[in-house]
Amino acid sequence: MATNNRLKAARAGKGLTQFQLATMIGRKEIEVSRIETGRCSPDPETKRRIAEALGKPVYELFHG
């Protein structure tokens, strides 16, 4: 899996840490880190929660 630079940039653009985003979506900080570094792929519900928290469409954050 590739590093998710769009997700990382969107999170940073909102001024959020990985911990803050994780708290907002009901996940652990390590999960956000793994998603951003491409070590895991989030399930559709997690993708939706992340996109909602960042105010972006899912396809913008997770599709190539």
N, C-alpha and C. Protein backbone atom coordinates (compact mmCIF):
# COMPACT_ATOMS: atom_id res chain seq x y z
N MET A 1 0.83 -1.19 0.00
CA MET A 1 0.00 0.00 0.00
C MET A 1 0.87 1.25 0.00
N ALA A 2 0.37 2.25 -0.61
CA ALA A 2 1.11 3.51 -0.70
C ALA A 2 0.79 4.41 0.49
N THR A 3 1.73 5.28 0.79
CA THR A 3 1.51 6.28 1.83
C THR A 3 0.35 7.18 1.42
N ASN A 4 -0.52 7.49 2.36
CA ASN A 4 -1.68 8.33 2.04
C ASN A 4 -1.35 9.79 2.36
N ASN A 5 -0.66 10.43 1.42
CA ASN A 5 -0.27 11.82 1.60
C ASN A 5 -1.46 12.78 1.59
N ARG A 6 -2.51 12.43 0.85
CA ARG A 6 -3.70 13.30 0.82
C ARG A 6 -4.37 13.34 2.18
N LEU A 7 -4.45 12.20 2.82
CA LEU A 7 -5.04 12.15 4.16
C LEU A 7 -4.19 12.94 5.14
N LYS A 8 -2.90 12.71 5.11
CA LYS A 8 -1.99 13.41 6.02
C LYS A 8 -2.07 14.92 5.81
N ALA A 9 -2.09 15.36 4.56
CA ALA A 9 -2.17 16.80 4.25
C ALA A 9 -3.50 17.39 4.71
N ALA A 10 -4.59 16.66 4.50
CA ALA A 10 -5.90 17.15 4.92
C ALA A 10 -5.98 17.28 6.44
N ARG A 11 -5.43 16.29 7.13
CA ARG A 11 -5.43 16.33 8.59
C ARG A 11 -4.59 17.51 9.09
N ALA A 12 -3.41 17.66 8.54
CA ALA A 12 -2.54 18.76 8.95
C ALA A 12 -3.16 20.11 8.59
N GLY A 13 -3.85 20.16 7.45
CA GLY A 13 -4.51 21.39 7.02
C GLY A 13 -5.60 21.83 7.98
N LYS A 14 -6.18 20.88 8.66
CA LYS A 14 -7.20 21.19 9.67
C LYS A 14 -6.57 21.46 11.03
N GLY A 15 -5.25 21.34 11.11
CA GLY A 15 -4.56 21.58 12.37
C GLY A 15 -4.75 20.48 13.39
N LEU A 16 -5.00 19.26 12.91
CA LEU A 16 -5.26 18.13 13.81
C LEU A 16 -4.05 17.22 13.92
N THR A 17 -3.83 16.69 15.10
CA THR A 17 -2.83 15.64 15.28
C THR A 17 -3.49 14.31 14.95
N GLN A 18 -2.68 13.28 14.81
CA GLN A 18 -3.23 11.95 14.61
C GLN A 18 -4.12 11.55 15.79
N PHE A 19 -3.69 11.91 16.98
CA PHE A 19 -4.48 11.59 18.17
C PHE A 19 -5.84 12.28 18.13
N GLN A 20 -5.86 13.55 17.76
CA GLN A 20 -7.12 14.29 17.71
C GLN A 20 -8.07 13.70 16.68
N LEU A 21 -7.55 13.37 15.49
CA LEU A 21 -8.39 12.76 14.46
C LEU A 21 -8.91 11.41 14.94
N ALA A 22 -8.04 10.61 15.53
CA ALA A 22 -8.45 9.30 16.03
C ALA A 22 -9.58 9.43 17.04
N THR A 23 -9.47 10.40 17.92
CA THR A 23 -10.51 10.63 18.93
C THR A 23 -11.83 11.01 18.25
N MET A 24 -11.75 11.84 17.24
CA MET A 24 -12.96 12.29 16.53
C MET A 24 -13.68 11.14 15.83
N ILE A 25 -12.93 10.15 15.36
CA ILE A 25 -13.54 9.05 14.60
C ILE A 25 -13.71 7.77 15.41
N GLY A 26 -13.36 7.84 16.69
CA GLY A 26 -13.56 6.68 17.55
C GLY A 26 -12.57 5.55 17.32
N ARG A 27 -11.35 5.91 16.94
CA ARG A 27 -10.31 4.91 16.71
C ARG A 27 -9.08 5.26 17.54
N LYS A 28 -8.06 4.43 17.47
CA LYS A 28 -6.81 4.67 18.19
C LYS A 28 -5.84 5.43 17.30
N GLU A 29 -4.96 6.19 17.94
CA GLU A 29 -3.96 6.96 17.20
C GLU A 29 -3.11 6.08 16.28
N ILE A 30 -2.74 4.91 16.75
CA ILE A 30 -1.92 4.01 15.95
C ILE A 30 -2.63 3.60 14.66
N GLU A 31 -3.95 3.49 14.70
CA GLU A 31 -4.70 3.15 13.49
C GLU A 31 -4.60 4.26 12.45
N VAL A 32 -4.71 5.51 12.90
CA VAL A 32 -4.57 6.64 11.98
C VAL A 32 -3.17 6.64 11.39
N SER A 33 -2.17 6.41 12.22
CA SER A 33 -0.80 6.35 11.74
C SER A 33 -0.63 5.26 10.69
N ARG A 34 -1.17 4.10 10.94
CA ARG A 34 -1.04 2.99 9.99
C ARG A 34 -1.75 3.28 8.67
N ILE A 35 -2.88 3.96 8.74
CA ILE A 35 -3.60 4.34 7.51
C ILE A 35 -2.76 5.34 6.72
N GLU A 36 -2.22 6.34 7.40
CA GLU A 36 -1.42 7.37 6.72
C GLU A 36 -0.14 6.81 6.11
N THR A 37 0.45 5.82 6.75
CA THR A 37 1.71 5.26 6.25
C THR A 37 1.48 4.10 5.29
N GLY A 38 0.23 3.72 5.07
CA GLY A 38 -0.07 2.66 4.13
C GLY A 38 0.10 1.27 4.67
N ARG A 39 0.23 1.14 5.98
CA ARG A 39 0.39 -0.18 6.58
C ARG A 39 -0.94 -0.90 6.77
N CYS A 40 -2.05 -0.18 6.65
CA CYS A 40 -3.35 -0.82 6.68
C CYS A 40 -4.34 0.01 5.88
N SER A 41 -5.39 -0.62 5.47
CA SER A 41 -6.43 0.05 4.70
C SER A 41 -7.69 0.10 5.56
N PRO A 42 -8.27 1.28 5.72
CA PRO A 42 -9.45 1.38 6.58
C PRO A 42 -10.69 0.77 5.93
N ASP A 43 -11.59 0.31 6.77
CA ASP A 43 -12.87 -0.20 6.27
C ASP A 43 -13.72 0.98 5.79
N PRO A 44 -14.77 0.71 5.03
CA PRO A 44 -15.59 1.80 4.49
C PRO A 44 -16.16 2.76 5.54
N GLU A 45 -16.55 2.24 6.69
CA GLU A 45 -17.10 3.10 7.74
C GLU A 45 -16.04 4.04 8.30
N THR A 46 -14.84 3.53 8.47
CA THR A 46 -13.74 4.38 8.96
C THR A 46 -13.40 5.44 7.93
N LYS A 47 -13.38 5.07 6.66
CA LYS A 47 -13.15 6.05 5.59
C LYS A 47 -14.19 7.16 5.66
N ARG A 48 -15.44 6.78 5.83
CA ARG A 48 -16.52 7.76 5.90
C ARG A 48 -16.33 8.71 7.09
N ARG A 49 -15.99 8.15 8.24
CA ARG A 49 -15.80 8.96 9.44
C ARG A 49 -14.63 9.94 9.28
N ILE A 50 -13.54 9.45 8.70
CA ILE A 50 -12.39 10.31 8.48
C ILE A 50 -12.75 11.46 7.53
N ALA A 51 -13.38 11.12 6.43
CA ALA A 51 -13.76 12.13 5.45
C ALA A 51 -14.69 13.17 6.07
N GLU A 52 -15.64 12.71 6.85
CA GLU A 52 -16.58 13.62 7.52
C GLU A 52 -15.84 14.54 8.50
N ALA A 53 -14.93 13.97 9.26
CA ALA A 53 -14.18 14.76 10.24
C ALA A 53 -13.31 15.82 9.57
N LEU A 54 -12.81 15.50 8.38
CA LEU A 54 -11.93 16.42 7.68
C LEU A 54 -12.65 17.32 6.67
N GLY A 55 -13.96 17.08 6.52
CA GLY A 55 -14.74 17.90 5.59
C GLY A 55 -14.37 17.68 4.14
N LYS A 56 -14.02 16.46 3.81
CA LYS A 56 -13.61 16.11 2.44
C LYS A 56 -14.43 14.91 1.97
N PRO A 57 -14.62 14.78 0.65
CA PRO A 57 -15.27 13.56 0.15
C PRO A 57 -14.33 12.36 0.27
N VAL A 58 -14.90 11.20 0.48
CA VAL A 58 -14.10 9.98 0.66
C VAL A 58 -13.17 9.77 -0.52
N TYR A 59 -13.69 9.94 -1.76
CA TYR A 59 -12.86 9.66 -2.94
C TYR A 59 -11.62 10.56 -3.00
N GLU A 60 -11.72 11.75 -2.46
CA GLU A 60 -10.58 12.68 -2.49
C GLU A 60 -9.44 12.21 -1.58
N LEU A 61 -9.79 11.54 -0.52
CA LEU A 61 -8.79 11.08 0.45
C LEU A 61 -8.27 9.67 0.17
N PHE A 62 -9.10 8.82 -0.43
CA PHE A 62 -8.74 7.41 -0.50
C PHE A 62 -8.69 6.78 -1.89
N HIS A 63 -8.91 7.54 -2.93
CA HIS A 63 -8.85 6.94 -4.26
C HIS A 63 -7.79 7.62 -5.10
N GLY A 64 -7.09 6.80 -5.88
CA GLY A 64 -5.93 7.25 -6.58
C GLY A 64 -6.10 7.94 -7.87
